[in-house]
Amino acid sequence: YLVYTKYYSDNQTSDMHKYFNDAKKIYALT
């Protein structure tokens, strides 16, 4: 988590965060 949050800080390139954020968008829309 720290590597993909601190080192890969851009949510558009951090795989962990970009898939998590897409899921949150789906959840909000549905």
PDB file of all heavy atoms in Angstrom:
ATOM      1  N   TYR A   1       0.835  -1.208   0.000  1.00  0.00           N
ATOM      2  CA  TYR A   1       0.000   0.000   0.000  1.00  0.00           C
ATOM      3  C   TYR A   1       0.869   1.258   0.000  1.00  0.00           C
ATOM      4  O   TYR A   1       0.595   2.212  -0.746  1.00  0.00           O
ATOM      5  CB  TYR A   1      -0.922  -0.004   1.219  1.00  0.00           C
ATOM      6  CG  TYR A   1      -1.662   1.302   1.402  1.00  0.00           C
ATOM      7  CD1 TYR A   1      -2.825   1.567   0.690  1.00  0.00           C
ATOM      8  CD2 TYR A   1      -1.178   2.283   2.283  1.00  0.00           C
ATOM      9  CE1 TYR A   1      -3.493   2.763   0.838  1.00  0.00           C
ATOM     10  CE2 TYR A   1      -1.845   3.483   2.436  1.00  0.00           C
ATOM     11  CZ  TYR A   1      -2.994   3.719   1.708  1.00  0.00           C
ATOM     12  OH  TYR A   1      -3.648   4.920   1.844  1.00  0.00           O
ATOM     13  N   LEU A   2       1.903   1.265   0.801  1.00  0.00           N
ATOM     14  CA  LEU A   2       2.768   2.440   0.891  1.00  0.00           C
ATOM     15  C   LEU A   2       3.507   2.685  -0.422  1.00  0.00           C
ATOM     16  O   LEU A   2       3.630   3.831  -0.871  1.00  0.00           O
ATOM     17  CB  LEU A   2       3.763   2.269   2.040  1.00  0.00           C
ATOM     18  CG  LEU A   2       3.166   2.313   3.447  1.00  0.00           C
ATOM     19  CD1 LEU A   2       4.218   1.981   4.497  1.00  0.00           C
ATOM     20  CD2 LEU A   2       2.536   3.679   3.734  1.00  0.00           C
ATOM     21  N   VAL A   3       3.985   1.619  -1.053  1.00  0.00           N
ATOM     22  CA  VAL A   3       4.678   1.767  -2.337  1.00  0.00           C
ATOM     23  C   VAL A   3       3.745   2.343  -3.386  1.00  0.00           C
ATOM     24  O   VAL A   3       4.107   3.273  -4.129  1.00  0.00           O
ATOM     25  CB  VAL A   3       5.246   0.404  -2.810  1.00  0.00           C
ATOM     26  CG1 VAL A   3       5.707   0.487  -4.273  1.00  0.00           C
ATOM     27  CG2 VAL A   3       6.402  -0.033  -1.923  1.00  0.00           C
ATOM     28  N   TYR A   4       2.513   1.818  -3.443  1.00  0.00           N
ATOM     29  CA  TYR A   4       1.573   2.247  -4.479  1.00  0.00           C
ATOM     30  C   TYR A   4       0.819   3.525  -4.102  1.00  0.00           C
ATOM     31  O   TYR A   4      -0.017   3.991  -4.871  1.00  0.00           O
ATOM     32  CB  TYR A   4       0.595   1.117  -4.801  1.00  0.00           C
ATOM     33  CG  TYR A   4       1.136   0.205  -5.873  1.00  0.00           C
ATOM     34  CD1 TYR A   4       2.041  -0.803  -5.545  1.00  0.00           C
ATOM     35  CD2 TYR A   4       0.789   0.369  -7.213  1.00  0.00           C
ATOM     36  CE1 TYR A   4       2.572  -1.633  -6.523  1.00  0.00           C
ATOM     37  CE2 TYR A   4       1.304  -0.459  -8.189  1.00  0.00           C
ATOM     38  CZ  TYR A   4       2.199  -1.450  -7.847  1.00  0.00           C
ATOM     39  OH  TYR A   4       2.734  -2.271  -8.819  1.00  0.00           O
ATOM     40  N   THR A   5       1.104   4.062  -2.929  1.00  0.00           N
ATOM     41  CA  THR A   5       0.496   5.336  -2.527  1.00  0.00           C
ATOM     42  C   THR A   5       1.531   6.453  -2.494  1.00  0.00           C
ATOM     43  O   THR A   5       1.276   7.561  -2.978  1.00  0.00           O
ATOM     44  CB  THR A   5      -0.160   5.209  -1.136  1.00  0.00           C
ATOM     45  OG1 THR A   5      -1.153   4.182  -1.180  1.00  0.00           O
ATOM     46  CG2 THR A   5      -0.839   6.514  -0.742  1.00  0.00           C
ATOM     47  N   LYS A   6       2.704   6.151  -1.946  1.00  0.00           N
ATOM     48  CA  LYS A   6       3.746   7.172  -1.802  1.00  0.00           C
ATOM     49  C   LYS A   6       4.637   7.274  -3.041  1.00  0.00           C
ATOM     50  O   LYS A   6       4.925   8.376  -3.517  1.00  0.00           O
ATOM     51  CB  LYS A   6       4.609   6.871  -0.572  1.00  0.00           C
ATOM     52  CG  LYS A   6       3.825   6.788   0.736  1.00  0.00           C
ATOM     53  CD  LYS A   6       3.140   8.112   1.076  1.00  0.00           C
ATOM     54  CE  LYS A   6       2.421   8.025   2.426  1.00  0.00           C
ATOM     55  NZ  LYS A   6       1.712   9.294   2.755  1.00  0.00           N
ATOM     56  N   TYR A   7       5.055   6.110  -3.567  1.00  0.00           N
ATOM     57  CA  TYR A   7       5.964   6.124  -4.722  1.00  0.00           C
ATOM     58  C   TYR A   7       5.192   6.349  -6.019  1.00  0.00           C
ATOM     59  O   TYR A   7       5.529   7.210  -6.812  1.00  0.00           O
ATOM     60  CB  TYR A   7       6.754   4.815  -4.783  1.00  0.00           C
ATOM     61  CG  TYR A   7       7.799   4.800  -5.869  1.00  0.00           C
ATOM     62  CD1 TYR A   7       8.998   5.492  -5.719  1.00  0.00           C
ATOM     63  CD2 TYR A   7       7.595   4.097  -7.050  1.00  0.00           C
ATOM     64  CE1 TYR A   7       9.953   5.492  -6.717  1.00  0.00           C
ATOM     65  CE2 TYR A   7       8.541   4.083  -8.056  1.00  0.00           C
ATOM     66  CZ  TYR A   7       9.725   4.780  -7.885  1.00  0.00           C
ATOM     67  OH  TYR A   7      10.666   4.784  -8.880  1.00  0.00           O
ATOM     68  N   TYR A   8       4.145   5.555  -6.213  1.00  0.00           N
ATOM     69  CA  TYR A   8       3.262   5.757  -7.373  1.00  0.00           C
ATOM     70  C   TYR A   8       2.095   6.620  -6.907  1.00  0.00           C
ATOM     71  O   TYR A   8       0.986   6.139  -6.706  1.00  0.00           O
ATOM     72  CB  TYR A   8       2.765   4.420  -7.914  1.00  0.00           C
ATOM     73  CG  TYR A   8       3.871   3.512  -8.418  1.00  0.00           C
ATOM     74  CD1 TYR A   8       4.296   2.412  -7.655  1.00  0.00           C
ATOM     75  CD2 TYR A   8       4.503   3.749  -9.630  1.00  0.00           C
ATOM     76  CE1 TYR A   8       5.314   1.582  -8.099  1.00  0.00           C
ATOM     77  CE2 TYR A   8       5.527   2.910 -10.088  1.00  0.00           C
ATOM     78  CZ  TYR A   8       5.921   1.835  -9.316  1.00  0.00           C
ATOM     79  OH  TYR A   8       6.930   1.004  -9.757  1.00  0.00           O
ATOM     80  N   SER A   9       2.345   7.884  -6.760  1.00  0.00           N
ATOM     81  CA  SER A   9       1.366   8.779  -6.124  1.00  0.00           C
ATOM     82  C   SER A   9       0.256   9.237  -7.074  1.00  0.00           C
ATOM     83  O   SER A   9      -0.775   9.739  -6.629  1.00  0.00           O
ATOM     84  CB  SER A   9       2.072  10.009  -5.548  1.00  0.00           C
ATOM     85  OG  SER A   9       2.830  10.664  -6.547  1.00  0.00           O
ATOM     86  N   ASP A  10       0.451   9.045  -8.383  1.00  0.00           N
ATOM     87  CA  ASP A  10      -0.567   9.443  -9.360  1.00  0.00           C
ATOM     88  C   ASP A  10      -1.605   8.332  -9.471  1.00  0.00           C
ATOM     89  O   ASP A  10      -1.294   7.210  -9.892  1.00  0.00           O
ATOM     90  CB  ASP A  10       0.085   9.697 -10.716  1.00  0.00           C
ATOM     91  CG  ASP A  10      -0.915  10.201 -11.760  1.00  0.00           C
ATOM     92  OD1 ASP A  10      -2.116  10.323 -11.440  1.00  0.00           O
ATOM     93  OD2 ASP A  10      -0.493  10.468 -12.899  1.00  0.00           O
ATOM     94  N   ASN A  11      -2.841   8.632  -9.095  1.00  0.00           N
ATOM     95  CA  ASN A  11      -3.898   7.621  -9.129  1.00  0.00           C
ATOM     96  C   ASN A  11      -4.229   7.135 -10.534  1.00  0.00           C
ATOM     97  O   ASN A  11      -4.903   6.122 -10.707  1.00  0.00           O
ATOM     98  CB  ASN A  11      -5.178   8.170  -8.473  1.00  0.00           C
ATOM     99  CG  ASN A  11      -5.061   8.224  -6.965  1.00  0.00           C
ATOM    100  OD1 ASN A  11      -4.074   7.754  -6.395  1.00  0.00           O
ATOM    101  ND2 ASN A  11      -6.036   8.812  -6.307  1.00  0.00           N
ATOM    102  N   GLN A  12      -3.771   7.873 -11.545  1.00  0.00           N
ATOM    103  CA  GLN A  12      -4.017   7.458 -12.927  1.00  0.00           C
ATOM    104  C   GLN A  12      -2.995   6.425 -13.396  1.00  0.00           C
ATOM    105  O   GLN A  12      -3.194   5.778 -14.429  1.00  0.00           O
ATOM    106  CB  GLN A  12      -3.977   8.681 -13.854  1.00  0.00           C
ATOM    107  CG  GLN A  12      -5.086   9.687 -13.596  1.00  0.00           C
ATOM    108  CD  GLN A  12      -6.467   9.094 -13.830  1.00  0.00           C
ATOM    109  OE1 GLN A  12      -6.754   8.547 -14.893  1.00  0.00           O
ATOM    110  NE2 GLN A  12      -7.324   9.197 -12.831  1.00  0.00           N
ATOM    111  N   THR A  13      -1.916   6.263 -12.662  1.00  0.00           N
ATOM    112  CA  THR A  13      -0.895   5.280 -13.035  1.00  0.00           C
ATOM    113  C   THR A  13      -0.716   4.199 -11.976  1.00  0.00           C
ATOM    114  O   THR A  13      -0.157   3.140 -12.257  1.00  0.00           O
ATOM    115  CB  THR A  13       0.469   5.972 -13.273  1.00  0.00           C
ATOM    116  OG1 THR A  13       0.850   6.669 -12.085  1.00  0.00           O
ATOM    117  CG2 THR A  13       0.376   6.948 -14.438  1.00  0.00           C
ATOM    118  N   SER A  14      -1.169   4.449 -10.762  1.00  0.00           N
ATOM    119  CA  SER A  14      -1.064   3.460  -9.688  1.00  0.00           C
ATOM    120  C   SER A  14      -2.165   2.419  -9.857  1.00  0.00           C
ATOM    121  O   SER A  14      -3.349   2.717  -9.660  1.00  0.00           O
ATOM    122  CB  SER A  14      -1.203   4.151  -8.325  1.00  0.00           C
ATOM    123  OG  SER A  14      -1.296   3.198  -7.295  1.00  0.00           O
ATOM    124  N   ASP A  15      -1.780   1.197 -10.237  1.00  0.00           N
ATOM    125  CA  ASP A  15      -2.775   0.161 -10.539  1.00  0.00           C
ATOM    126  C   ASP A  15      -3.744  -0.066  -9.389  1.00  0.00           C
ATOM    127  O   ASP A  15      -4.952  -0.211  -9.598  1.00  0.00           O
ATOM    128  CB  ASP A  15      -2.076  -1.155 -10.882  1.00  0.00           C
ATOM    129  CG  ASP A  15      -1.449  -1.134 -12.274  1.00  0.00           C
ATOM    130  OD1 ASP A  15      -1.723  -0.181 -13.019  1.00  0.00           O
ATOM    131  OD2 ASP A  15      -0.689  -2.054 -12.589  1.00  0.00           O
ATOM    132  N   MET A  16      -3.222  -0.138  -8.177  1.00  0.00           N
ATOM    133  CA  MET A  16      -4.081  -0.401  -7.023  1.00  0.00           C
ATOM    134  C   MET A  16      -5.173   0.648  -6.891  1.00  0.00           C
ATOM    135  O   MET A  16      -6.353   0.318  -6.717  1.00  0.00           O
ATOM    136  CB  MET A  16      -3.253  -0.449  -5.739  1.00  0.00           C
ATOM    137  CG  MET A  16      -4.088  -0.696  -4.482  1.00  0.00           C
ATOM    138  SD  MET A  16      -3.110  -0.671  -2.968  1.00  0.00           S
ATOM    139  CE  MET A  16      -2.691   1.083  -2.868  1.00  0.00           C
ATOM    140  N   HIS A  17      -4.804   1.911  -6.999  1.00  0.00           N
ATOM    141  CA  HIS A  17      -5.762   2.991  -6.782  1.00  0.00           C
ATOM    142  C   HIS A  17      -6.697   3.186  -7.975  1.00  0.00           C
ATOM    143  O   HIS A  17      -7.877   3.500  -7.792  1.00  0.00           O
ATOM    144  CB  HIS A  17      -5.023   4.292  -6.473  1.00  0.00           C
ATOM    145  CG  HIS A  17      -4.428   4.324  -5.101  1.00  0.00           C
ATOM    146  ND1 HIS A  17      -5.194   4.457  -3.961  1.00  0.00           N
ATOM    147  CD2 HIS A  17      -3.142   4.215  -4.677  1.00  0.00           C
ATOM    148  CE1 HIS A  17      -4.411   4.440  -2.895  1.00  0.00           C
ATOM    149  NE2 HIS A  17      -3.163   4.302  -3.304  1.00  0.00           N
ATOM    150  N   LYS A  18      -6.195   2.991  -9.186  1.00  0.00           N
ATOM    151  CA  LYS A  18      -7.062   3.262 -10.332  1.00  0.00           C
ATOM    152  C   LYS A  18      -8.191   2.237 -10.448  1.00  0.00           C
ATOM    153  O   LYS A  18      -9.321   2.587 -10.795  1.00  0.00           O
ATOM    154  CB  LYS A  18      -6.245   3.344 -11.627  1.00  0.00           C
ATOM    155  CG  LYS A  18      -5.614   2.062 -12.126  1.00  0.00           C
ATOM    156  CD  LYS A  18      -4.716   2.354 -13.331  1.00  0.00           C
ATOM    157  CE  LYS A  18      -4.187   1.099 -13.970  1.00  0.00           C
ATOM    158  NZ  LYS A  18      -3.257   1.382 -15.089  1.00  0.00           N
ATOM    159  N   TYR A  19      -7.920   0.980 -10.095  1.00  0.00           N
ATOM    160  CA  TYR A  19      -8.990  -0.022 -10.128  1.00  0.00           C
ATOM    161  C   TYR A  19      -9.934   0.148  -8.939  1.00  0.00           C
ATOM    162  O   TYR A  19     -11.146  -0.085  -9.063  1.00  0.00           O
ATOM    163  CB  TYR A  19      -8.392  -1.433 -10.146  1.00  0.00           C
ATOM    164  CG  TYR A  19      -7.518  -1.698 -11.346  1.00  0.00           C
ATOM    165  CD1 TYR A  19      -6.321  -2.389 -11.239  1.00  0.00           C
ATOM    166  CD2 TYR A  19      -7.892  -1.236 -12.612  1.00  0.00           C
ATOM    167  CE1 TYR A  19      -5.516  -2.624 -12.341  1.00  0.00           C
ATOM    168  CE2 TYR A  19      -7.088  -1.470 -13.719  1.00  0.00           C
ATOM    169  CZ  TYR A  19      -5.901  -2.160 -13.576  1.00  0.00           C
ATOM    170  OH  TYR A  19      -5.100  -2.385 -14.673  1.00  0.00           O
ATOM    171  N   PHE A  20      -9.377   0.569  -7.813  1.00  0.00           N
ATOM    172  CA  PHE A  20     -10.206   0.846  -6.636  1.00  0.00           C
ATOM    173  C   PHE A  20     -11.138   2.021  -6.918  1.00  0.00           C
ATOM    174  O   PHE A  20     -12.336   1.977  -6.586  1.00  0.00           O
ATOM    175  CB  PHE A  20      -9.302   1.149  -5.444  1.00  0.00           C
ATOM    176  CG  PHE A  20     -10.044   1.459  -4.172  1.00  0.00           C
ATOM    177  CD1 PHE A  20     -10.723   0.475  -3.483  1.00  0.00           C
ATOM    178  CD2 PHE A  20     -10.047   2.752  -3.657  1.00  0.00           C
ATOM    179  CE1 PHE A  20     -11.398   0.757  -2.305  1.00  0.00           C
ATOM    180  CE2 PHE A  20     -10.723   3.053  -2.480  1.00  0.00           C
ATOM    181  CZ  PHE A  20     -11.399   2.047  -1.806  1.00  0.00           C
ATOM    182  N   ASN A  21     -10.627   3.055  -7.553  1.00  0.00           N
ATOM    183  CA  ASN A  21     -11.436   4.243  -7.859  1.00  0.00           C
ATOM    184  C   ASN A  21     -12.512   3.942  -8.895  1.00  0.00           C
ATOM    185  O   ASN A  21     -13.621   4.490  -8.820  1.00  0.00           O
ATOM    186  CB  ASN A  21     -10.544   5.389  -8.331  1.00  0.00           C
ATOM    187  CG  ASN A  21      -9.701   5.962  -7.211  1.00  0.00           C
ATOM    188  OD1 ASN A  21     -10.060   5.852  -6.041  1.00  0.00           O
ATOM    189  ND2 ASN A  21      -8.568   6.561  -7.547  1.00  0.00           N
ATOM    190  N   ASP A  22     -12.202   3.089  -9.863  1.00  0.00           N
ATOM    191  CA  ASP A  22     -13.217   2.689 -10.838  1.00  0.00           C
ATOM    192  C   ASP A  22     -14.367   1.955 -10.147  1.00  0.00           C
ATOM    193  O   ASP A  22     -15.542   2.157 -10.467  1.00  0.00           O
ATOM    194  CB  ASP A  22     -12.606   1.803 -11.921  1.00  0.00           C
ATOM    195  CG  ASP A  22     -12.350   2.568 -13.218  1.00  0.00           C
ATOM    196  OD1 ASP A  22     -12.502   3.804 -13.226  1.00  0.00           O
ATOM    197  OD2 ASP A  22     -12.008   1.937 -14.232  1.00  0.00           O
ATOM    198  N   ALA A  23     -14.023   1.091  -9.204  1.00  0.00           N
ATOM    199  CA  ALA A  23     -15.057   0.365  -8.443  1.00  0.00           C
ATOM    200  C   ALA A  23     -15.920   1.341  -7.651  1.00  0.00           C
ATOM    201  O   ALA A  23     -17.149   1.182  -7.576  1.00  0.00           O
ATOM    202  CB  ALA A  23     -14.407  -0.656  -7.516  1.00  0.00           C
ATOM    203  N   LYS A  24     -15.300   2.358  -7.068  1.00  0.00           N
ATOM    204  CA  LYS A  24     -16.064   3.358  -6.310  1.00  0.00           C
ATOM    205  C   LYS A  24     -17.014   4.133  -7.229  1.00  0.00           C
ATOM    206  O   LYS A  24     -18.135   4.474  -6.818  1.00  0.00           O
ATOM    207  CB  LYS A  24     -15.117   4.312  -5.588  1.00  0.00           C
ATOM    208  CG  LYS A  24     -14.411   3.694  -4.395  1.00  0.00           C
ATOM    209  CD  LYS A  24     -13.915   4.741  -3.396  1.00  0.00           C
ATOM    210  CE  LYS A  24     -12.911   5.672  -3.986  1.00  0.00           C
ATOM    211  NZ  LYS A  24     -12.387   6.643  -2.977  1.00  0.00           N
ATOM    212  N   LYS A  25     -16.582   4.405  -8.452  1.00  0.00           N
ATOM    213  CA  LYS A  25     -17.458   5.090  -9.411  1.00  0.00           C
ATOM    214  C   LYS A  25     -18.671   4.231  -9.736  1.00  0.00           C
ATOM    215  O   LYS A  25     -19.804   4.723  -9.784  1.00  0.00           O
ATOM    216  CB  LYS A  25     -16.686   5.413 -10.701  1.00  0.00           C
ATOM    217  CG  LYS A  25     -15.697   6.557 -10.577  1.00  0.00           C
ATOM    218  CD  LYS A  25     -15.024   6.821 -11.920  1.00  0.00           C
ATOM    219  CE  LYS A  25     -13.994   7.930 -11.807  1.00  0.00           C
ATOM    220  NZ  LYS A  25     -13.301   8.161 -13.103  1.00  0.00           N
ATOM    221  N   ILE A  26     -18.426   2.943  -9.971  1.00  0.00           N
ATOM    222  CA  ILE A  26     -19.544   2.031 -10.253  1.00  0.00           C
ATOM    223  C   ILE A  26     -20.514   1.999  -9.078  1.00  0.00           C
ATOM    224  O   ILE A  26     -21.732   2.070  -9.252  1.00  0.00           O
ATOM    225  CB  ILE A  26     -19.029   0.596 -10.533  1.00  0.00           C
ATOM    226  CG1 ILE A  26     -18.158   0.573 -11.785  1.00  0.00           C
ATOM    227  CG2 ILE A  26     -20.214  -0.367 -10.710  1.00  0.00           C
ATOM    228  CD1 ILE A  26     -17.458  -0.766 -12.002  1.00  0.00           C
ATOM    229  N   TYR A  27     -19.962   1.901  -7.882  1.00  0.00           N
ATOM    230  CA  TYR A  27     -20.798   1.818  -6.683  1.00  0.00           C
ATOM    231  C   TYR A  27     -21.648   3.076  -6.522  1.00  0.00           C
ATOM    232  O   TYR A  27     -22.838   2.991  -6.179  1.00  0.00           O
ATOM    233  CB  TYR A  27     -19.920   1.603  -5.452  1.00  0.00           C
ATOM    234  CG  TYR A  27     -20.696   1.317  -4.193  1.00  0.00           C
ATOM    235  CD1 TYR A  27     -21.463   0.156  -4.084  1.00  0.00           C
ATOM    236  CD2 TYR A  27     -20.654   2.193  -3.108  1.00  0.00           C
ATOM    237  CE1 TYR A  27     -22.170  -0.113  -2.934  1.00  0.00           C
ATOM    238  CE2 TYR A  27     -21.362   1.920  -1.951  1.00  0.00           C
ATOM    239  CZ  TYR A  27     -22.116   0.776  -1.869  1.00  0.00           C
ATOM    240  OH  TYR A  27     -22.825   0.503  -0.730  1.00  0.00           O
ATOM    241  N   ALA A  28     -21.056   4.231  -6.799  1.00  0.00           N
ATOM    242  CA  ALA A  28     -21.793   5.496  -6.689  1.00  0.00           C
ATOM    243  C   ALA A  28     -22.885   5.584  -7.749  1.00  0.00           C
ATOM    244  O   ALA A  28     -24.002   6.030  -7.470  1.00  0.00           O
ATOM    245  CB  ALA A  28     -20.830   6.673  -6.814  1.00  0.00           C
ATOM    246  N   LEU A  29     -22.569   5.121  -8.963  1.00  0.00           N
ATOM    247  CA  LEU A  29     -23.526   5.209 -10.067  1.00  0.00           C
ATOM    248  C   LEU A  29     -24.667   4.201  -9.928  1.00  0.00           C
ATOM    249  O   LEU A  29     -25.740   4.387 -10.514  1.00  0.00           O
ATOM    250  CB  LEU A  29     -22.802   4.986 -11.407  1.00  0.00           C
ATOM    251  CG  LEU A  29     -21.847   6.105 -11.844  1.00  0.00           C
ATOM    252  CD1 LEU A  29     -20.981   5.627 -13.020  1.00  0.00           C
ATOM    253  CD2 LEU A  29     -22.635   7.353 -12.256  1.00  0.00           C
ATOM    254  N   THR A  30     -24.434   3.128  -9.183  1.00  0.00           N
ATOM    255  CA  THR A  30     -25.459   2.075  -9.055  1.00  0.00           C
ATOM    256  C   THR A  30     -26.054   2.011  -7.647  1.00  0.00           C
ATOM    257  O   THR A  30     -26.738   1.041  -7.315  1.00  0.00           O
ATOM    258  CB  THR A  30     -24.861   0.697  -9.415  1.00  0.00           C
ATOM    259  OG1 THR A  30     -23.782   0.397  -8.506  1.00  0.00           O
ATOM    260  CG2 THR A  30     -24.343   0.670 -10.835  1.00  0.00           C
TER     261      THR A  30
END
